[in-house]
């Protein structure tokens, strides 16, 4: 199947295992990172993000869902980089995540 080149309207910034910040601009890049650089390749948010990023690369109607799922997986893994605590808390609430340790980071 042909892969679409698609970008999110707002990139997601994550902190890699080596401490560097990665800017993820779309579902194809997110899929690559989930497959090759993710610290734990399991968990409900990881699996959902991988599935939705693959789907978004095949069908353009899933971009927003893929981004939200990737953010949830980054929260689950403790990798989401944000400059403000409130942004993290708001996103966790929006995604209905029970991640109190991530929200207080």
C-alpha atoms as a PDB file:
ATOM      1  CA  UNK A   1       0.000   0.000   0.000  1.00  0.00           C
ATOM      2  CA  UNK A   2       1.192   3.520  -0.751  1.00  0.00           C
ATOM      3  CA  UNK A   3       2.297   5.550   2.271  1.00  0.00           C
ATOM      4  CA  UNK A   4       1.070   9.124   2.512  1.00  0.00           C
ATOM      5  CA  UNK A   5       3.399  11.976   3.406  1.00  0.00           C
ATOM      6  CA  UNK A   6       1.434  13.829   6.061  1.00  0.00           C
ATOM      7  CA  UNK A   7       2.314  16.315   8.771  1.00  0.00           C
ATOM      8  CA  UNK A   8       0.567  17.322  11.966  1.00  0.00           C
ATOM      9  CA  UNK A   9      -0.395  20.979  12.356  1.00  0.00           C
ATOM     10  CA  UNK A  10       1.591  21.038  15.600  1.00  0.00           C
ATOM     11  CA  UNK A  11       4.658  18.818  16.110  1.00  0.00           C
ATOM     12  CA  UNK A  12       5.187  16.713  19.231  1.00  0.00           C
ATOM     13  CA  UNK A  13       8.444  17.077  21.153  1.00  0.00           C
ATOM     14  CA  UNK A  14       9.789  14.082  23.023  1.00  0.00           C
ATOM     15  CA  UNK A  15      12.944  13.370  24.980  1.00  0.00           C
ATOM     16  CA  UNK A  16      14.815  10.349  23.631  1.00  0.00           C
ATOM     17  CA  UNK A  17      16.648   7.835  25.827  1.00  0.00           C
ATOM     18  CA  UNK A  18      19.938   9.655  25.150  1.00  0.00           C
ATOM     19  CA  UNK A  19      18.463  12.933  26.453  1.00  0.00           C
ATOM     20  CA  UNK A  20      18.114  14.637  23.076  1.00  0.00           C
ATOM     21  CA  UNK A  21      14.860  16.273  22.095  1.00  0.00           C
ATOM     22  CA  UNK A  22      13.181  14.873  19.004  1.00  0.00           C
ATOM     23  CA  UNK A  23      10.586  16.826  17.064  1.00  0.00           C
ATOM     24  CA  UNK A  24       7.995  14.488  15.594  1.00  0.00           C
ATOM     25  CA  UNK A  25       6.132  16.193  12.769  1.00  0.00           C
ATOM     26  CA  UNK A  26       3.822  13.494  11.482  1.00  0.00           C
ATOM     27  CA  UNK A  27       2.595   9.921  11.723  1.00  0.00           C
ATOM     28  CA  UNK A  28       5.301   8.353   9.544  1.00  0.00           C
ATOM     29  CA  UNK A  29       8.065   9.808  11.710  1.00  0.00           C
ATOM     30  CA  UNK A  30       6.122   8.807  14.831  1.00  0.00           C
ATOM     31  CA  UNK A  31       5.784   5.258  13.528  1.00  0.00           C
ATOM     32  CA  UNK A  32       9.535   5.057  12.912  1.00  0.00           C
ATOM     33  CA  UNK A  33      10.301   6.357  16.406  1.00  0.00           C
ATOM     34  CA  UNK A  34       7.803   3.991  18.032  1.00  0.00           C
ATOM     35  CA  UNK A  35       9.369   1.036  16.218  1.00  0.00           C
ATOM     36  CA  UNK A  36      13.039   1.928  16.604  1.00  0.00           C
ATOM     37  CA  UNK A  37      13.615   4.319  19.530  1.00  0.00           C
ATOM     38  CA  UNK A  38      10.819   3.677  22.026  1.00  0.00           C
ATOM     39  CA  UNK A  39      12.045   2.464  25.435  1.00  0.00           C
ATOM     40  CA  UNK A  40       9.228  -0.054  26.060  1.00  0.00           C
ATOM     41  CA  UNK A  41       7.438  -1.542  23.078  1.00  0.00           C
ATOM     42  CA  UNK A  42       4.291  -2.514  24.937  1.00  0.00           C
ATOM     43  CA  UNK A  43       1.409  -0.936  26.771  1.00  0.00           C
ATOM     44  CA  UNK A  44      -2.045   0.169  25.687  1.00  0.00           C
ATOM     45  CA  UNK A  45      -1.047   3.656  24.559  1.00  0.00           C
ATOM     46  CA  UNK A  46       2.050   2.421  22.704  1.00  0.00           C
ATOM     47  CA  UNK A  47       0.032  -0.167  20.799  1.00  0.00           C
ATOM     48  CA  UNK A  48      -2.773   2.273  20.009  1.00  0.00           C
ATOM     49  CA  UNK A  49      -0.312   4.931  18.823  1.00  0.00           C
ATOM     50  CA  UNK A  50       1.498   2.490  16.569  1.00  0.00           C
ATOM     51  CA  UNK A  51      -1.762   1.251  15.048  1.00  0.00           C
ATOM     52  CA  UNK A  52      -3.113   4.767  14.455  1.00  0.00           C
ATOM     53  CA  UNK A  53       0.169   6.109  13.050  1.00  0.00           C
ATOM     54  CA  UNK A  54       0.263   3.239  10.553  1.00  0.00           C
ATOM     55  CA  UNK A  55      -3.385   3.907   9.643  1.00  0.00           C
ATOM     56  CA  UNK A  56      -2.736   7.659   9.264  1.00  0.00           C
ATOM     57  CA  UNK A  57       0.045   6.845   6.829  1.00  0.00           C
ATOM     58  CA  UNK A  58      -2.446   4.953   4.711  1.00  0.00           C
ATOM     59  CA  UNK A  59      -5.628   7.016   5.169  1.00  0.00           C
ATOM     60  CA  UNK A  60      -5.511  10.798   5.590  1.00  0.00           C
ATOM     61  CA  UNK A  61      -8.543  11.029   7.883  1.00  0.00           C
ATOM     62  CA  UNK A  62      -6.665   9.757  10.948  1.00  0.00           C
ATOM     63  CA  UNK A  63      -4.056  12.491  11.501  1.00  0.00           C
ATOM     64  CA  UNK A  64      -5.566  14.006  14.637  1.00  0.00           C
ATOM     65  CA  UNK A  65      -6.267  10.634  16.214  1.00  0.00           C
ATOM     66  CA  UNK A  66      -2.720   9.482  15.470  1.00  0.00           C
ATOM     67  CA  UNK A  67      -1.221  12.615  17.044  1.00  0.00           C
ATOM     68  CA  UNK A  68      -3.365  12.299  20.186  1.00  0.00           C
ATOM     69  CA  UNK A  69      -2.444   8.616  20.492  1.00  0.00           C
ATOM     70  CA  UNK A  70       1.258   9.414  20.051  1.00  0.00           C
ATOM     71  CA  UNK A  71       1.058  12.067  22.783  1.00  0.00           C
ATOM     72  CA  UNK A  72      -0.643   9.521  25.074  1.00  0.00           C
ATOM     73  CA  UNK A  73       2.126   6.996  24.365  1.00  0.00           C
ATOM     74  CA  UNK A  74       4.775   9.650  25.070  1.00  0.00           C
ATOM     75  CA  UNK A  75       3.057  10.457  28.379  1.00  0.00           C
ATOM     76  CA  UNK A  76       2.848   6.755  29.208  1.00  0.00           C
ATOM     77  CA  UNK A  77       6.585   6.368  28.529  1.00  0.00           C
ATOM     78  CA  UNK A  78       7.537   9.579  30.349  1.00  0.00           C
ATOM     79  CA  UNK A  79       8.992  11.012  27.131  1.00  0.00           C
ATOM     80  CA  UNK A  80       6.730  13.966  26.370  1.00  0.00           C
ATOM     81  CA  UNK A  81       8.692  17.193  26.484  1.00  0.00           C
ATOM     82  CA  UNK A  82       6.825  20.281  27.509  1.00  0.00           C
ATOM     83  CA  UNK A  83       7.926  23.626  28.788  1.00  0.00           C
ATOM     84  CA  UNK A  84       5.001  24.056  31.164  1.00  0.00           C
ATOM     85  CA  UNK A  85       3.501  21.736  33.759  1.00  0.00           C
ATOM     86  CA  UNK A  86       0.027  23.007  32.973  1.00  0.00           C
ATOM     87  CA  UNK A  87       0.310  21.921  29.334  1.00  0.00           C
ATOM     88  CA  UNK A  88       1.097  18.386  30.444  1.00  0.00           C
ATOM     89  CA  UNK A  89      -1.748  18.294  32.961  1.00  0.00           C
ATOM     90  CA  UNK A  90      -4.202  19.638  30.401  1.00  0.00           C
ATOM     91  CA  UNK A  91      -3.166  17.081  27.782  1.00  0.00           C
ATOM     92  CA  UNK A  92      -3.376  14.209  30.286  1.00  0.00           C
ATOM     93  CA  UNK A  93      -6.891  15.312  31.251  1.00  0.00           C
ATOM     94  CA  UNK A  94      -7.910  15.711  27.604  1.00  0.00           C
ATOM     95  CA  UNK A  95      -6.701  12.210  26.791  1.00  0.00           C
ATOM     96  CA  UNK A  96      -8.304  10.838  29.984  1.00  0.00           C
ATOM     97  CA  UNK A  97      -5.055   9.334  31.237  1.00  0.00           C
ATOM     98  CA  UNK A  98      -4.565   8.224  34.796  1.00  0.00           C
ATOM     99  CA  UNK A  99      -0.935   9.321  34.927  1.00  0.00           C
ATOM    100  CA  UNK A 100      -0.455  11.316  38.138  1.00  0.00           C
ATOM    101  CA  UNK A 101       3.349  10.936  38.115  1.00  0.00           C
ATOM    102  CA  UNK A 102       3.571  12.244  34.527  1.00  0.00           C
ATOM    103  CA  UNK A 103       1.193  15.099  35.268  1.00  0.00           C
ATOM    104  CA  UNK A 104       3.320  16.257  38.188  1.00  0.00           C
ATOM    105  CA  UNK A 105       6.583  16.101  36.236  1.00  0.00           C
END
